[in-house]
């Protein structure tokens, strides 16, 4: 199920649902995740309640607590994804693409997490997978690529601060 609590230009619930189906198939994720596109305030609340971090973030993934069974894997959602429409708009403006594309990038990132990938601990496995899937799904720069040191330096230069390599972490 896709819920757009907060609208994003050029993105309908149906279009996002179609993308989620394509992305989860490309990732090899059983079942269809629930996706909520909402405000930064709501994402901050979820982050505080479930992760103990009192800050807004771009995307959160919550794997299902239901036990896995092959028979039920297509009926039971593999988890939930919450996306901040506000941060998606900011990132889209920063990276020069549409907010609709940014929401799809964030959805793909969340789907990869639901499939068990963890970019903080996998020595680049998720980043490589996300880059390949982004190309396959015709999306602009992947989320993890944008947080790498070279990408940060490039963004700082675009922002007019060529010596600051401490661009805010997007995840």
N, C-alpha and C. Protein backbone atom coordinates (compact mmCIF):
# COMPACT_ATOMS: atom_id res chain seq x y z
N UNK A 1 0.84 -1.17 0.00
CA UNK A 1 0.00 0.00 0.00
C UNK A 1 0.89 1.24 0.00
N UNK A 2 0.52 2.20 -0.80
CA UNK A 2 1.22 3.49 -0.87
C UNK A 2 0.28 4.57 -0.38
N UNK A 3 0.76 5.37 0.56
CA UNK A 3 -0.03 6.49 1.09
C UNK A 3 0.79 7.76 0.91
N UNK A 4 0.21 8.72 0.18
CA UNK A 4 0.84 10.03 0.05
C UNK A 4 0.11 10.99 0.99
N UNK A 5 0.56 11.04 2.24
CA UNK A 5 0.00 11.99 3.19
C UNK A 5 0.36 13.40 2.80
N UNK A 6 1.52 13.54 2.20
CA UNK A 6 1.99 14.83 1.74
C UNK A 6 2.29 14.70 0.24
N UNK A 7 1.63 15.47 -0.54
CA UNK A 7 1.76 15.39 -2.00
C UNK A 7 3.14 15.79 -2.49
N UNK A 8 3.53 15.16 -3.59
CA UNK A 8 4.79 15.45 -4.26
C UNK A 8 4.44 15.70 -5.72
N UNK A 9 4.92 16.81 -6.28
CA UNK A 9 4.62 17.16 -7.67
C UNK A 9 4.97 16.01 -8.61
N UNK A 10 4.10 15.75 -9.53
CA UNK A 10 4.30 14.76 -10.60
C UNK A 10 4.43 13.33 -10.06
N UNK A 11 3.84 13.06 -8.90
CA UNK A 11 3.89 11.71 -8.35
C UNK A 11 2.52 11.36 -7.78
N UNK A 12 1.89 10.38 -8.38
CA UNK A 12 0.61 9.90 -7.88
C UNK A 12 0.85 8.64 -7.05
N UNK A 13 -0.10 8.29 -6.20
CA UNK A 13 0.05 7.03 -5.45
C UNK A 13 0.20 5.83 -6.39
N UNK A 14 -0.51 5.86 -7.50
CA UNK A 14 -0.45 4.75 -8.46
C UNK A 14 0.93 4.66 -9.10
N UNK A 15 1.51 5.79 -9.47
CA UNK A 15 2.84 5.79 -10.09
C UNK A 15 3.89 5.28 -9.09
N UNK A 16 3.79 5.71 -7.84
CA UNK A 16 4.75 5.25 -6.84
C UNK A 16 4.55 3.75 -6.57
N UNK A 17 3.31 3.30 -6.53
CA UNK A 17 3.04 1.87 -6.32
C UNK A 17 3.63 1.03 -7.46
N UNK A 18 3.50 1.51 -8.70
CA UNK A 18 4.09 0.79 -9.84
C UNK A 18 5.61 0.74 -9.70
N UNK A 19 6.21 1.85 -9.30
CA UNK A 19 7.66 1.87 -9.12
C UNK A 19 8.08 0.90 -8.01
N UNK A 20 7.38 0.90 -6.90
CA UNK A 20 7.71 0.01 -5.78
C UNK A 20 7.66 -1.44 -6.24
N UNK A 21 6.66 -1.80 -7.05
CA UNK A 21 6.58 -3.17 -7.58
C UNK A 21 7.81 -3.51 -8.42
N UNK A 22 8.18 -2.60 -9.31
CA UNK A 22 9.36 -2.82 -10.16
C UNK A 22 10.63 -2.92 -9.32
N UNK A 23 10.78 -2.03 -8.36
CA UNK A 23 11.98 -2.00 -7.54
C UNK A 23 12.09 -3.24 -6.67
N UNK A 24 11.01 -3.66 -6.05
CA UNK A 24 11.09 -4.84 -5.17
C UNK A 24 11.37 -6.09 -5.98
N UNK A 25 10.85 -6.17 -7.21
CA UNK A 25 11.19 -7.31 -8.08
C UNK A 25 12.67 -7.28 -8.44
N UNK A 26 13.18 -6.09 -8.78
CA UNK A 26 14.59 -5.95 -9.15
C UNK A 26 15.51 -6.31 -7.99
N UNK A 27 15.09 -6.00 -6.78
CA UNK A 27 15.88 -6.30 -5.59
C UNK A 27 15.75 -7.78 -5.21
N UNK A 28 14.61 -8.39 -5.58
CA UNK A 28 14.35 -9.78 -5.20
C UNK A 28 13.66 -9.87 -3.85
N UNK A 29 12.95 -8.83 -3.48
CA UNK A 29 12.26 -8.78 -2.20
C UNK A 29 10.89 -9.44 -2.34
N UNK A 30 10.61 -10.41 -1.51
CA UNK A 30 9.29 -11.04 -1.49
C UNK A 30 8.29 -10.13 -0.83
N UNK A 31 7.10 -10.10 -1.35
CA UNK A 31 6.07 -9.25 -0.78
C UNK A 31 6.21 -7.81 -1.22
N UNK A 32 5.21 -7.04 -0.94
CA UNK A 32 5.17 -5.63 -1.35
C UNK A 32 5.18 -4.76 -0.10
N UNK A 33 6.20 -3.93 0.05
CA UNK A 33 6.26 -3.08 1.25
C UNK A 33 5.20 -1.99 1.24
N UNK A 34 4.82 -1.55 2.41
CA UNK A 34 3.97 -0.38 2.55
C UNK A 34 4.87 0.84 2.51
N UNK A 35 4.41 1.90 1.82
CA UNK A 35 5.21 3.13 1.71
C UNK A 35 4.34 4.32 2.11
N UNK A 36 4.87 5.10 3.03
CA UNK A 36 4.22 6.32 3.48
C UNK A 36 5.10 7.50 3.10
N UNK A 37 4.54 8.45 2.37
CA UNK A 37 5.23 9.70 2.07
C UNK A 37 4.53 10.75 2.91
N UNK A 38 5.30 11.36 3.80
CA UNK A 38 4.71 12.23 4.81
C UNK A 38 5.61 13.43 5.09
N UNK A 39 5.33 14.14 6.14
CA UNK A 39 6.10 15.33 6.51
C UNK A 39 7.36 14.95 7.30
N UNK A 40 8.28 15.88 7.36
CA UNK A 40 9.48 15.70 8.18
C UNK A 40 9.11 15.56 9.65
N UNK A 41 8.08 16.26 10.07
CA UNK A 41 7.63 16.18 11.46
C UNK A 41 7.20 14.76 11.80
N UNK A 42 6.44 14.14 10.91
CA UNK A 42 5.98 12.77 11.14
C UNK A 42 7.15 11.79 11.11
N UNK A 43 8.09 11.96 10.17
CA UNK A 43 9.25 11.09 10.10
C UNK A 43 10.11 11.25 11.36
N UNK A 44 10.23 12.47 11.83
CA UNK A 44 10.97 12.71 13.08
C UNK A 44 10.33 11.97 14.24
N UNK A 45 9.01 12.02 14.32
CA UNK A 45 8.29 11.30 15.37
C UNK A 45 8.55 9.80 15.29
N UNK A 46 8.47 9.24 14.09
CA UNK A 46 8.74 7.81 13.90
C UNK A 46 10.18 7.47 14.28
N UNK A 47 11.11 8.32 13.88
CA UNK A 47 12.52 8.09 14.17
C UNK A 47 12.76 8.11 15.69
N UNK A 48 12.10 9.03 16.38
CA UNK A 48 12.24 9.12 17.84
C UNK A 48 11.61 7.91 18.52
N UNK A 49 10.41 7.53 18.09
CA UNK A 49 9.70 6.41 18.72
C UNK A 49 10.39 5.07 18.51
N UNK A 50 10.87 4.83 17.29
CA UNK A 50 11.36 3.49 16.96
C UNK A 50 12.88 3.35 16.92
N UNK A 51 13.58 4.47 16.83
CA UNK A 51 15.05 4.38 16.76
C UNK A 51 15.73 5.20 17.86
N UNK A 52 14.95 5.96 18.63
CA UNK A 52 15.52 6.76 19.71
C UNK A 52 16.31 7.95 19.22
N UNK A 53 16.09 8.36 17.95
CA UNK A 53 16.81 9.51 17.39
C UNK A 53 15.81 10.63 17.13
N UNK A 54 15.95 11.72 17.85
CA UNK A 54 15.00 12.82 17.76
C UNK A 54 15.39 13.79 16.65
N UNK A 55 15.33 13.30 15.42
CA UNK A 55 15.62 14.16 14.27
C UNK A 55 14.90 13.61 13.04
N UNK A 56 14.62 14.51 12.14
CA UNK A 56 14.02 14.10 10.87
C UNK A 56 15.11 13.47 10.01
N UNK A 57 14.72 12.59 9.15
CA UNK A 57 15.63 11.97 8.20
C UNK A 57 14.86 11.77 6.90
N UNK A 58 15.54 11.41 5.85
CA UNK A 58 14.88 11.30 4.56
C UNK A 58 14.04 10.04 4.41
N UNK A 59 14.55 8.90 4.89
CA UNK A 59 13.84 7.63 4.72
C UNK A 59 14.10 6.73 5.92
N UNK A 60 13.05 6.04 6.34
CA UNK A 60 13.15 5.04 7.40
C UNK A 60 12.57 3.73 6.87
N UNK A 61 13.17 2.63 7.27
CA UNK A 61 12.68 1.30 6.90
C UNK A 61 12.41 0.51 8.16
N UNK A 62 11.27 -0.15 8.18
CA UNK A 62 10.89 -0.96 9.32
C UNK A 62 10.56 -2.36 8.84
N UNK A 63 11.49 -3.31 8.99
CA UNK A 63 11.21 -4.68 8.56
C UNK A 63 10.02 -5.26 9.33
N UNK A 64 9.27 -6.12 8.65
CA UNK A 64 8.11 -6.76 9.27
C UNK A 64 8.55 -7.65 10.42
N UNK A 65 7.74 -7.69 11.45
CA UNK A 65 8.02 -8.56 12.58
C UNK A 65 7.34 -9.92 12.41
N UNK A 66 6.53 -10.04 11.33
CA UNK A 66 5.84 -11.31 11.07
C UNK A 66 6.85 -12.37 10.67
N UNK A 67 6.66 -13.59 11.16
CA UNK A 67 7.59 -14.66 10.77
C UNK A 67 7.49 -14.93 9.27
N UNK A 68 8.63 -15.20 8.67
CA UNK A 68 8.69 -15.45 7.23
C UNK A 68 8.23 -16.86 6.91
N UNK A 69 7.39 -16.99 5.91
CA UNK A 69 7.06 -18.31 5.37
C UNK A 69 6.91 -18.16 3.87
N UNK A 70 7.38 -19.14 3.14
CA UNK A 70 7.31 -19.06 1.68
C UNK A 70 5.87 -18.92 1.20
N UNK A 71 4.95 -19.58 1.84
CA UNK A 71 3.54 -19.54 1.44
C UNK A 71 2.95 -18.14 1.59
N UNK A 72 3.37 -17.43 2.64
CA UNK A 72 2.78 -16.12 2.93
C UNK A 72 3.61 -14.96 2.42
N UNK A 73 4.76 -15.22 1.83
CA UNK A 73 5.69 -14.13 1.52
C UNK A 73 5.14 -13.09 0.56
N UNK A 74 4.16 -13.42 -0.27
CA UNK A 74 3.60 -12.42 -1.18
C UNK A 74 2.36 -11.76 -0.60
N UNK A 75 1.83 -12.30 0.49
CA UNK A 75 0.65 -11.70 1.12
C UNK A 75 1.04 -10.78 2.28
N UNK A 76 2.13 -11.10 2.95
CA UNK A 76 2.57 -10.32 4.10
C UNK A 76 3.59 -9.28 3.64
N UNK A 77 3.35 -8.00 3.91
CA UNK A 77 4.35 -7.00 3.53
C UNK A 77 5.68 -7.29 4.23
N UNK A 78 6.79 -7.12 3.53
CA UNK A 78 8.10 -7.35 4.14
C UNK A 78 8.48 -6.25 5.13
N UNK A 79 7.69 -5.20 5.15
CA UNK A 79 7.95 -4.10 6.07
C UNK A 79 7.34 -2.81 5.57
N UNK A 80 7.71 -1.74 6.25
CA UNK A 80 7.18 -0.41 5.97
C UNK A 80 8.32 0.54 5.70
N UNK A 81 8.04 1.51 4.84
CA UNK A 81 9.01 2.55 4.51
C UNK A 81 8.32 3.90 4.72
N UNK A 82 8.98 4.80 5.43
CA UNK A 82 8.47 6.16 5.61
C UNK A 82 9.45 7.12 4.96
N UNK A 83 8.93 8.01 4.12
CA UNK A 83 9.74 8.96 3.37
C UNK A 83 9.28 10.38 3.69
N UNK A 84 10.23 11.26 3.95
CA UNK A 84 9.91 12.66 4.18
C UNK A 84 9.80 13.38 2.84
N UNK A 85 8.60 13.84 2.51
CA UNK A 85 8.40 14.61 1.29
C UNK A 85 9.17 15.93 1.36
N UNK A 86 9.27 16.50 2.55
CA UNK A 86 9.98 17.77 2.72
C UNK A 86 11.46 17.61 2.37
N UNK A 87 12.09 16.58 2.93
CA UNK A 87 13.51 16.37 2.67
C UNK A 87 13.72 15.90 1.23
N UNK A 88 12.78 15.14 0.70
CA UNK A 88 12.87 14.73 -0.71
C UNK A 88 12.89 15.95 -1.62
N UNK A 89 12.05 16.93 -1.34
CA UNK A 89 12.03 18.17 -2.14
C UNK A 89 13.35 18.92 -2.03
N UNK A 90 13.88 19.01 -0.81
CA UNK A 90 15.16 19.70 -0.60
C UNK A 90 16.29 18.99 -1.35
N UNK A 91 16.34 17.67 -1.23
CA UNK A 91 17.38 16.90 -1.91
C UNK A 91 17.25 17.02 -3.42
N UNK A 92 16.03 16.98 -3.92
CA UNK A 92 15.80 17.09 -5.36
C UNK A 92 16.34 18.43 -5.88
N UNK A 93 16.05 19.50 -5.17
CA UNK A 93 16.55 20.81 -5.58
C UNK A 93 18.08 20.84 -5.52
N UNK A 94 18.65 20.26 -4.49
CA UNK A 94 20.09 20.23 -4.31
C UNK A 94 20.78 19.42 -5.41
N UNK A 95 20.17 18.30 -5.78
CA UNK A 95 20.81 17.40 -6.74
C UNK A 95 20.33 17.57 -8.17
N UNK A 96 19.41 18.49 -8.40
CA UNK A 96 19.01 18.84 -9.76
C UNK A 96 18.11 17.85 -10.47
N UNK A 97 17.21 17.23 -9.74
CA UNK A 97 16.21 16.38 -10.38
C UNK A 97 14.86 16.60 -9.70
N UNK A 98 13.84 15.91 -10.14
CA UNK A 98 12.50 16.16 -9.60
C UNK A 98 12.32 15.52 -8.22
N UNK A 99 11.38 16.08 -7.48
CA UNK A 99 11.03 15.50 -6.17
C UNK A 99 10.45 14.11 -6.35
N UNK A 100 9.74 13.87 -7.43
CA UNK A 100 9.19 12.54 -7.70
C UNK A 100 10.32 11.52 -7.87
N UNK A 101 11.37 11.89 -8.58
CA UNK A 101 12.52 11.00 -8.73
C UNK A 101 13.20 10.76 -7.38
N UNK A 102 13.29 11.80 -6.57
CA UNK A 102 13.92 11.66 -5.26
C UNK A 102 13.14 10.70 -4.37
N UNK A 103 11.83 10.79 -4.40
CA UNK A 103 11.01 9.85 -3.61
C UNK A 103 11.27 8.42 -4.07
N UNK A 104 11.41 8.22 -5.37
CA UNK A 104 11.69 6.88 -5.88
C UNK A 104 13.08 6.40 -5.45
N UNK A 105 14.06 7.28 -5.45
CA UNK A 105 15.40 6.93 -4.96
C UNK A 105 15.31 6.49 -3.50
N UNK A 106 14.57 7.23 -2.71
CA UNK A 106 14.43 6.91 -1.29
C UNK A 106 13.66 5.61 -1.09
N UNK A 107 12.65 5.38 -1.92
CA UNK A 107 11.90 4.12 -1.85
C UNK A 107 12.82 2.94 -2.17
N UNK A 108 13.63 3.06 -3.21
CA UNK A 108 14.57 2.00 -3.56
C UNK A 108 15.53 1.74 -2.40
N UNK A 109 16.04 2.80 -1.80
CA UNK A 109 16.96 2.67 -0.66
C UNK A 109 16.27 1.91 0.47
N UNK A 110 15.04 2.27 0.77
CA UNK A 110 14.28 1.59 1.82
C UNK A 110 14.03 0.13 1.50
N UNK A 111 13.73 -0.17 0.24
CA UNK A 111 13.50 -1.55 -0.19
C UNK A 111 14.77 -2.38 0.00
N UNK A 112 15.91 -1.81 -0.34
CA UNK A 112 17.17 -2.52 -0.13
C UNK A 112 17.38 -2.84 1.36
N UNK A 113 17.05 -1.89 2.23
CA UNK A 113 17.17 -2.16 3.66
C UNK A 113 16.22 -3.29 4.07
N UNK A 114 14.99 -3.29 3.55
CA UNK A 114 14.05 -4.36 3.89
C UNK A 114 14.54 -5.72 3.39
N UNK A 115 15.33 -5.70 2.33
CA UNK A 115 15.89 -6.95 1.79
C UNK A 115 17.12 -7.40 2.58
N UNK A 116 17.51 -6.63 3.59
CA UNK A 116 18.60 -7.05 4.45
C UNK A 116 19.93 -6.36 4.22
N UNK A 117 19.99 -5.41 3.32
CA UNK A 117 21.23 -4.68 3.07
C UNK A 117 21.42 -3.61 4.15
N UNK A 118 22.69 -3.35 4.49
CA UNK A 118 23.01 -2.35 5.50
C UNK A 118 24.30 -1.64 5.11
N UNK A 119 24.19 -0.47 4.52
CA UNK A 119 25.34 0.26 4.00
C UNK A 119 26.32 0.69 5.09
N UNK A 120 25.89 0.68 6.33
CA UNK A 120 26.79 1.07 7.41
C UNK A 120 27.72 -0.06 7.82
N UNK A 121 27.44 -1.28 7.37
CA UNK A 121 28.23 -2.43 7.83
C UNK A 121 28.65 -3.40 6.73
N UNK A 122 28.35 -3.10 5.47
CA UNK A 122 28.56 -4.14 4.43
C UNK A 122 29.71 -3.86 3.46
N UNK A 123 30.59 -2.95 3.80
CA UNK A 123 31.77 -2.66 2.96
C UNK A 123 31.42 -2.34 1.51
N UNK A 124 30.35 -1.62 1.30
CA UNK A 124 30.02 -1.15 -0.04
C UNK A 124 29.09 -2.04 -0.85
N UNK A 125 28.66 -3.17 -0.30
CA UNK A 125 27.78 -4.08 -1.05
C UNK A 125 26.47 -3.39 -1.42
N UNK A 126 25.85 -2.73 -0.46
CA UNK A 126 24.57 -2.07 -0.73
C UNK A 126 24.76 -0.92 -1.72
N UNK A 127 25.84 -0.19 -1.59
CA UNK A 127 26.11 0.94 -2.51
C UNK A 127 26.23 0.44 -3.94
N UNK A 128 26.95 -0.64 -4.14
CA UNK A 128 27.10 -1.19 -5.50
C UNK A 128 25.77 -1.68 -6.04
N UNK A 129 25.01 -2.36 -5.21
CA UNK A 129 23.70 -2.87 -5.62
C UNK A 129 22.77 -1.71 -5.96
N UNK A 130 22.76 -0.69 -5.11
CA UNK A 130 21.89 0.46 -5.34
C UNK A 130 22.27 1.18 -6.64
N UNK A 131 23.56 1.31 -6.89
CA UNK A 131 24.01 1.98 -8.11
C UNK A 131 23.52 1.22 -9.35
N UNK A 132 23.67 -0.10 -9.35
CA UNK A 132 23.22 -0.91 -10.49
C UNK A 132 21.71 -0.83 -10.67
N UNK A 133 20.99 -0.90 -9.57
CA UNK A 133 19.53 -0.83 -9.64
C UNK A 133 19.05 0.55 -10.06
N UNK A 134 19.73 1.58 -9.60
CA UNK A 134 19.36 2.93 -10.00
C UNK A 134 19.46 3.07 -11.51
N UNK A 135 20.54 2.56 -12.07
CA UNK A 135 20.70 2.62 -13.53
C UNK A 135 19.63 1.80 -14.23
N UNK A 136 19.38 0.60 -13.73
CA UNK A 136 18.37 -0.29 -14.32
C UNK A 136 16.97 0.31 -14.26
N UNK A 137 16.69 1.04 -13.18
CA UNK A 137 15.36 1.64 -12.99
C UNK A 137 15.29 3.09 -13.48
N UNK A 138 16.35 3.54 -14.15
CA UNK A 138 16.41 4.88 -14.76
C UNK A 138 16.24 6.00 -13.74
N UNK A 139 17.00 5.90 -12.65
CA UNK A 139 16.97 6.93 -11.62
C UNK A 139 18.29 7.70 -11.59
N UNK A 140 18.25 8.96 -11.16
CA UNK A 140 19.49 9.72 -11.00
C UNK A 140 20.29 9.22 -9.80
N UNK A 141 21.36 9.89 -9.45
CA UNK A 141 22.34 9.49 -8.43
C UNK A 141 21.72 8.79 -7.23
N UNK A 142 22.30 7.66 -6.89
CA UNK A 142 21.82 6.87 -5.76
C UNK A 142 22.16 7.53 -4.44
N UNK A 143 21.36 7.24 -3.44
CA UNK A 143 21.49 7.85 -2.12
C UNK A 143 22.87 7.64 -1.52
N UNK A 144 23.37 6.42 -1.53
CA UNK A 144 24.66 6.13 -0.90
C UNK A 144 25.78 6.83 -1.65
N UNK A 145 25.72 6.87 -2.98
CA UNK A 145 26.77 7.54 -3.76
C UNK A 145 26.90 8.99 -3.34
N UNK A 146 25.80 9.62 -2.98
CA UNK A 146 25.80 11.03 -2.62
C UNK A 146 26.43 11.28 -1.27
N UNK A 147 26.62 10.26 -0.46
CA UNK A 147 27.21 10.46 0.86
C UNK A 147 28.69 10.09 0.89
N UNK A 148 29.24 9.66 -0.24
CA UNK A 148 30.65 9.31 -0.32
C UNK A 148 31.49 10.59 -0.31
N UNK A 149 32.74 10.54 0.16
CA UNK A 149 33.57 11.75 0.28
C UNK A 149 33.71 12.55 -1.02
N UNK A 150 33.93 11.90 -2.16
CA UNK A 150 34.09 12.63 -3.42
C UNK A 150 32.80 13.37 -3.77
N UNK A 151 31.67 12.70 -3.55
CA UNK A 151 30.38 13.33 -3.84
C UNK A 151 30.15 14.51 -2.91
N UNK A 152 30.52 14.37 -1.64
CA UNK A 152 30.36 15.47 -0.69
C UNK A 152 31.18 16.67 -1.11
N UNK A 153 32.42 16.44 -1.51
CA UNK A 153 33.29 17.55 -1.93
C UNK A 153 32.70 18.25 -3.14
N UNK A 154 32.17 17.48 -4.08
CA UNK A 154 31.56 18.06 -5.27
C UNK A 154 30.34 18.89 -4.91
N UNK A 155 29.52 18.39 -3.99
CA UNK A 155 28.33 19.13 -3.55
C UNK A 155 28.73 20.41 -2.84
N UNK A 156 29.75 20.34 -2.00
CA UNK A 156 30.21 21.55 -1.32
C UNK A 156 30.66 22.60 -2.32
N UNK A 157 31.32 22.15 -3.37
CA UNK A 157 31.78 23.07 -4.40
C UNK A 157 30.58 23.73 -5.09
N UNK A 158 29.54 22.92 -5.39
CA UNK A 158 28.32 23.46 -6.01
C UNK A 158 27.66 24.48 -5.09
N UNK A 159 27.75 24.26 -3.79
CA UNK A 159 27.13 25.16 -2.81
C UNK A 159 27.96 26.42 -2.59
N UNK A 160 29.15 26.47 -3.20
CA UNK A 160 30.00 27.64 -3.04
C UNK A 160 30.93 27.55 -1.85
N UNK A 161 31.17 26.36 -1.35
CA UNK A 161 32.05 26.17 -0.21
C UNK A 161 33.05 25.06 -0.55
N UNK A 162 34.04 25.35 -1.40
CA UNK A 162 34.94 24.31 -1.90
C UNK A 162 35.84 23.68 -0.86
N UNK A 163 35.98 24.27 0.31
CA UNK A 163 36.89 23.72 1.32
C UNK A 163 36.18 22.91 2.38
N UNK A 164 34.85 22.96 2.42
CA UNK A 164 34.10 22.23 3.42
C UNK A 164 33.66 20.89 2.85
N UNK A 165 34.17 19.81 3.41
CA UNK A 165 33.78 18.48 2.94
C UNK A 165 32.87 17.80 3.95
N UNK A 166 32.23 18.58 4.79
CA UNK A 166 31.34 18.00 5.79
C UNK A 166 29.87 18.19 5.42
N UNK A 167 29.54 17.91 4.16
CA UNK A 167 28.14 18.03 3.72
C UNK A 167 27.27 17.18 4.63
N UNK A 168 26.06 17.65 4.87
CA UNK A 168 25.20 16.91 5.79
C UNK A 168 24.95 15.51 5.27
N UNK A 169 24.97 14.59 6.18
CA UNK A 169 24.73 13.19 5.83
C UNK A 169 23.27 13.05 5.48
N UNK A 170 22.98 12.37 4.38
CA UNK A 170 21.62 12.27 3.89
C UNK A 170 20.87 11.11 4.50
N UNK A 171 21.48 10.28 5.23
CA UNK A 171 20.84 9.09 5.78
C UNK A 171 21.18 8.98 7.24
